[in-house]
N, C-alpha and C. Protein backbone atom coordinates (compact mmCIF):
# COMPACT_ATOMS: atom_id res chain seq x y z
N MET A 1 109.03 86.15 105.79
CA MET A 1 107.93 85.23 105.60
C MET A 1 106.66 85.99 105.21
N LYS A 2 106.46 87.15 105.81
CA LYS A 2 105.28 87.93 105.51
C LYS A 2 105.30 88.41 104.06
N ARG A 3 106.49 88.78 103.57
CA ARG A 3 106.61 89.24 102.18
C ARG A 3 106.28 88.10 101.22
N ALA A 4 106.73 86.91 101.55
CA ALA A 4 106.43 85.76 100.70
C ALA A 4 104.92 85.51 100.65
N GLY A 5 104.25 85.73 101.76
CA GLY A 5 102.79 85.59 101.80
C GLY A 5 102.11 86.60 100.90
N TYR A 6 102.59 87.83 100.91
CA TYR A 6 102.02 88.85 100.03
C TYR A 6 102.28 88.52 98.56
N VAL A 7 103.49 88.06 98.26
CA VAL A 7 103.82 87.70 96.87
C VAL A 7 102.93 86.56 96.40
N LEU A 8 102.75 85.55 97.24
CA LEU A 8 101.88 84.43 96.90
C LEU A 8 100.44 84.89 96.75
N GLY A 9 100.00 85.76 97.63
CA GLY A 9 98.64 86.29 97.54
C GLY A 9 98.42 87.05 96.24
N PHE A 10 99.38 87.88 95.85
CA PHE A 10 99.26 88.62 94.59
C PHE A 10 99.28 87.67 93.39
N MET A 11 100.12 86.64 93.45
CA MET A 11 100.17 85.69 92.35
C MET A 11 98.83 84.97 92.21
N LEU A 12 98.24 84.54 93.32
CA LEU A 12 96.94 83.89 93.28
C LEU A 12 95.86 84.82 92.77
N ALA A 13 95.87 86.06 93.24
CA ALA A 13 94.85 87.02 92.82
C ALA A 13 94.96 87.32 91.32
N MET A 14 96.18 87.46 90.82
CA MET A 14 96.35 87.74 89.40
C MET A 14 95.95 86.52 88.55
N TRP A 15 96.27 85.33 89.02
CA TRP A 15 95.85 84.13 88.30
C TRP A 15 94.33 84.05 88.28
N SER A 16 93.71 84.35 89.39
CA SER A 16 92.25 84.31 89.46
C SER A 16 91.63 85.32 88.49
N LEU A 17 92.18 86.51 88.43
CA LEU A 17 91.65 87.51 87.49
C LEU A 17 91.81 87.04 86.05
N TYR A 18 92.94 86.41 85.75
CA TYR A 18 93.15 85.85 84.40
C TYR A 18 92.10 84.80 84.09
N VAL A 19 91.85 83.91 85.03
CA VAL A 19 90.88 82.85 84.83
C VAL A 19 89.47 83.43 84.67
N LEU A 20 89.15 84.45 85.45
CA LEU A 20 87.83 85.07 85.34
C LEU A 20 87.65 85.75 83.99
N VAL A 21 88.68 86.42 83.51
CA VAL A 21 88.59 87.08 82.20
C VAL A 21 88.43 86.06 81.09
N ILE A 22 89.19 84.98 81.16
CA ILE A 22 89.07 83.92 80.15
C ILE A 22 87.68 83.31 80.19
N TYR A 23 87.13 83.12 81.37
CA TYR A 23 85.77 82.58 81.49
C TYR A 23 84.76 83.54 80.87
N ALA A 24 84.89 84.82 81.16
CA ALA A 24 83.96 85.80 80.60
C ALA A 24 84.06 85.87 79.08
N ILE A 25 85.26 85.77 78.56
CA ILE A 25 85.44 85.82 77.11
C ILE A 25 84.84 84.59 76.44
N THR A 26 85.07 83.42 77.02
CA THR A 26 84.57 82.20 76.38
C THR A 26 83.06 82.05 76.55
N VAL A 27 82.53 82.48 77.68
CA VAL A 27 81.08 82.43 77.87
C VAL A 27 80.41 83.44 76.94
N GLY A 28 81.06 84.59 76.75
CA GLY A 28 80.54 85.59 75.83
C GLY A 28 80.73 85.20 74.38
N ASP A 29 81.34 84.05 74.13
CA ASP A 29 81.53 83.49 72.80
C ASP A 29 82.31 84.44 71.89
N VAL A 30 83.39 84.98 72.43
CA VAL A 30 84.30 85.77 71.62
C VAL A 30 85.37 84.80 71.14
N GLY A 31 85.13 84.11 70.07
CA GLY A 31 85.90 82.95 69.61
C GLY A 31 87.40 83.13 69.52
N GLY A 32 88.06 82.01 69.31
CA GLY A 32 89.49 82.00 69.07
C GLY A 32 90.35 81.83 70.30
N LEU A 33 89.78 81.74 71.47
CA LEU A 33 90.59 81.64 72.68
C LEU A 33 90.39 80.32 73.42
N LEU A 34 89.96 79.29 72.71
CA LEU A 34 89.70 78.02 73.37
C LEU A 34 90.97 77.40 73.94
N GLY A 35 92.14 77.68 73.37
CA GLY A 35 93.39 77.17 73.91
C GLY A 35 93.69 77.77 75.28
N LEU A 36 93.38 79.04 75.47
CA LEU A 36 93.56 79.66 76.78
C LEU A 36 92.56 79.08 77.78
N TYR A 37 91.35 78.82 77.32
CA TYR A 37 90.32 78.27 78.21
C TYR A 37 90.72 76.89 78.73
N SER A 38 91.31 76.08 77.87
CA SER A 38 91.66 74.72 78.30
C SER A 38 92.75 74.72 79.35
N GLY A 39 93.56 75.78 79.42
CA GLY A 39 94.59 75.86 80.45
C GLY A 39 94.04 76.06 81.85
N ALA A 40 92.84 76.64 81.95
CA ALA A 40 92.24 76.90 83.25
C ALA A 40 90.93 76.17 83.45
N ALA A 41 90.58 75.27 82.53
CA ALA A 41 89.28 74.59 82.58
C ALA A 41 89.11 73.76 83.85
N TRP A 42 90.20 73.23 84.37
CA TRP A 42 90.10 72.40 85.58
C TRP A 42 89.59 73.21 86.77
N MET A 43 89.78 74.52 86.76
CA MET A 43 89.30 75.34 87.88
C MET A 43 87.79 75.55 87.85
N TYR A 44 87.19 75.46 86.67
CA TYR A 44 85.76 75.71 86.54
C TYR A 44 84.91 74.52 86.97
N LYS A 45 85.55 73.38 87.25
CA LYS A 45 84.80 72.20 87.67
C LYS A 45 84.38 72.27 89.13
N ALA A 46 85.09 73.06 89.93
CA ALA A 46 84.76 73.21 91.36
C ALA A 46 84.85 74.69 91.75
N PRO A 47 83.94 75.52 91.24
CA PRO A 47 84.05 76.95 91.53
C PRO A 47 83.83 77.31 92.99
N VAL A 48 83.09 76.47 93.71
CA VAL A 48 82.86 76.75 95.13
C VAL A 48 84.17 76.72 95.91
N LEU A 49 85.04 75.79 95.56
CA LEU A 49 86.34 75.68 96.22
C LEU A 49 87.14 76.97 96.04
N TRP A 50 87.17 77.51 94.82
CA TRP A 50 87.92 78.72 94.56
C TRP A 50 87.26 79.94 95.18
N PHE A 51 85.93 79.93 95.24
CA PHE A 51 85.21 81.00 95.92
C PHE A 51 85.60 81.05 97.39
N VAL A 52 85.62 79.90 98.05
CA VAL A 52 85.98 79.83 99.47
C VAL A 52 87.45 80.20 99.68
N LEU A 53 88.32 79.74 98.79
CA LEU A 53 89.74 80.05 98.91
C LEU A 53 89.99 81.56 98.84
N PHE A 54 89.41 82.21 97.85
CA PHE A 54 89.65 83.64 97.71
C PHE A 54 88.92 84.46 98.77
N ALA A 55 87.80 83.95 99.27
CA ALA A 55 87.14 84.61 100.40
C ALA A 55 88.03 84.54 101.64
N ALA A 56 88.65 83.40 101.87
CA ALA A 56 89.57 83.26 103.01
C ALA A 56 90.79 84.17 102.85
N LEU A 57 91.32 84.24 101.63
CA LEU A 57 92.46 85.11 101.37
C LEU A 57 92.09 86.58 101.59
N ALA A 58 90.91 86.98 101.13
CA ALA A 58 90.46 88.36 101.34
C ALA A 58 90.26 88.65 102.82
N CYS A 59 89.67 87.70 103.54
CA CYS A 59 89.47 87.89 104.99
C CYS A 59 90.80 88.01 105.72
N GLY A 60 91.76 87.19 105.33
CA GLY A 60 93.09 87.27 105.96
C GLY A 60 93.75 88.61 105.71
N ALA A 61 93.63 89.13 104.50
CA ALA A 61 94.21 90.44 104.19
C ALA A 61 93.49 91.55 104.93
N ILE A 62 92.17 91.45 105.05
CA ILE A 62 91.40 92.46 105.79
C ILE A 62 91.77 92.45 107.27
N VAL A 63 91.89 91.26 107.84
CA VAL A 63 92.28 91.16 109.26
C VAL A 63 93.67 91.74 109.46
N GLN A 64 94.60 91.42 108.58
CA GLN A 64 95.96 91.96 108.68
C GLN A 64 95.94 93.48 108.56
N LEU A 65 95.07 93.99 107.70
CA LEU A 65 95.00 95.43 107.46
C LEU A 65 94.45 96.18 108.67
N PHE A 66 93.41 95.65 109.30
CA PHE A 66 92.74 96.39 110.37
C PHE A 66 93.17 96.00 111.77
N ARG A 67 94.08 95.07 111.88
CA ARG A 67 94.59 94.71 113.21
C ARG A 67 95.60 95.71 113.73
N GLY A 68 96.09 96.55 112.86
CA GLY A 68 97.07 97.54 113.28
C GLY A 68 98.50 97.06 113.17
N LYS A 69 98.69 95.89 112.57
CA LYS A 69 100.05 95.36 112.42
C LYS A 69 100.73 95.87 111.17
N CYS A 70 99.96 96.47 110.25
CA CYS A 70 100.53 97.00 109.01
C CYS A 70 100.92 98.45 109.21
N THR A 71 102.08 98.81 108.72
CA THR A 71 102.51 100.20 108.78
C THR A 71 103.12 100.59 107.44
N GLY A 72 102.91 101.82 107.04
CA GLY A 72 103.55 102.36 105.85
C GLY A 72 103.18 101.64 104.57
N VAL A 73 104.20 101.16 103.88
CA VAL A 73 104.02 100.52 102.58
C VAL A 73 103.23 99.23 102.71
N GLU A 74 103.41 98.52 103.81
CA GLU A 74 102.70 97.26 103.99
C GLU A 74 101.19 97.48 104.03
N ARG A 75 100.75 98.60 104.54
CA ARG A 75 99.32 98.92 104.57
C ARG A 75 98.78 99.07 103.15
N VAL A 76 99.54 99.72 102.29
CA VAL A 76 99.13 99.90 100.89
C VAL A 76 99.09 98.56 100.17
N VAL A 77 100.09 97.73 100.42
CA VAL A 77 100.14 96.40 99.80
C VAL A 77 98.96 95.55 100.27
N ALA A 78 98.68 95.57 101.56
CA ALA A 78 97.55 94.79 102.09
C ALA A 78 96.22 95.30 101.53
N LEU A 79 96.08 96.60 101.37
CA LEU A 79 94.86 97.16 100.79
C LEU A 79 94.71 96.75 99.33
N ALA A 80 95.78 96.80 98.56
CA ALA A 80 95.74 96.39 97.15
C ALA A 80 95.39 94.90 97.05
N LEU A 81 95.99 94.08 97.90
CA LEU A 81 95.69 92.65 97.89
C LEU A 81 94.24 92.40 98.27
N THR A 82 93.73 93.15 99.22
CA THR A 82 92.34 93.00 99.62
C THR A 82 91.40 93.32 98.46
N LEU A 83 91.67 94.41 97.76
CA LEU A 83 90.82 94.79 96.63
C LEU A 83 90.86 93.76 95.51
N LEU A 84 92.05 93.26 95.19
CA LEU A 84 92.16 92.23 94.15
C LEU A 84 91.44 90.95 94.55
N CYS A 85 91.56 90.58 95.82
CA CYS A 85 90.89 89.36 96.29
C CYS A 85 89.38 89.53 96.30
N LEU A 86 88.90 90.73 96.62
CA LEU A 86 87.45 90.95 96.62
C LEU A 86 86.89 90.85 95.20
N VAL A 87 87.63 91.34 94.21
CA VAL A 87 87.20 91.17 92.82
C VAL A 87 87.12 89.69 92.48
N SER A 88 88.11 88.93 92.91
CA SER A 88 88.11 87.48 92.67
C SER A 88 86.94 86.81 93.38
N VAL A 89 86.66 87.22 94.60
CA VAL A 89 85.55 86.64 95.35
C VAL A 89 84.23 86.86 94.61
N PHE A 90 83.99 88.07 94.17
CA PHE A 90 82.75 88.36 93.46
C PHE A 90 82.68 87.62 92.13
N GLY A 91 83.80 87.53 91.43
CA GLY A 91 83.82 86.78 90.17
C GLY A 91 83.52 85.31 90.37
N TRP A 92 84.15 84.69 91.38
CA TRP A 92 83.90 83.28 91.63
C TRP A 92 82.50 83.05 92.18
N ALA A 93 81.93 84.03 92.88
CA ALA A 93 80.54 83.91 93.34
C ALA A 93 79.59 83.88 92.15
N ILE A 94 79.88 84.70 91.15
CA ILE A 94 79.05 84.70 89.95
C ILE A 94 79.17 83.39 89.20
N ILE A 95 80.39 82.88 89.03
CA ILE A 95 80.58 81.60 88.36
C ILE A 95 79.89 80.47 89.12
N THR A 96 80.01 80.50 90.45
CA THR A 96 79.34 79.47 91.27
C THR A 96 77.83 79.52 91.08
N ALA A 97 77.27 80.72 91.05
CA ALA A 97 75.82 80.85 90.85
C ALA A 97 75.41 80.37 89.46
N LEU A 98 76.23 80.68 88.44
CA LEU A 98 75.91 80.23 87.08
C LEU A 98 75.97 78.71 86.97
N VAL A 99 76.96 78.11 87.61
CA VAL A 99 77.08 76.65 87.59
C VAL A 99 75.93 76.01 88.34
N ALA A 100 75.53 76.60 89.47
CA ALA A 100 74.42 76.05 90.25
C ALA A 100 73.09 76.18 89.52
N ALA A 101 72.94 77.24 88.73
CA ALA A 101 71.69 77.46 88.02
C ALA A 101 71.56 76.55 86.79
N ALA A 102 72.68 76.10 86.29
CA ALA A 102 72.63 75.27 85.06
C ALA A 102 72.25 73.84 85.32
C-alpha cells in the first residue's frame, strides 16, 4: 500500500510539473502549444485547490521522511517526492498569486 502511495505521489507531481511548464510556455506566449494548454486548462480555474493539494502531499512526504519510518531506498524515494512536491507547491503559489492579482 505504501508503494502505491509513492507511485501515485510521483504521478501527481509529474503531472503538476507538466501543467506548470505548459502554463509558463503559454503565458510566455511561445506559440503553437494551445492544444496542450487546453488539456490542462481546467486546472487553472482553481489554482488554490491545487496549491493546497500539493502542499498537503509535500507535508505528508516530509512527515514520512522525518518520522524515522523510512529506511534505505524508501528514504531516497521520499526525499525525491518531497523535492518534486515542493517545486509544485511553489509553482502553484505563483499561479495563485498571478490569478489573484489579475
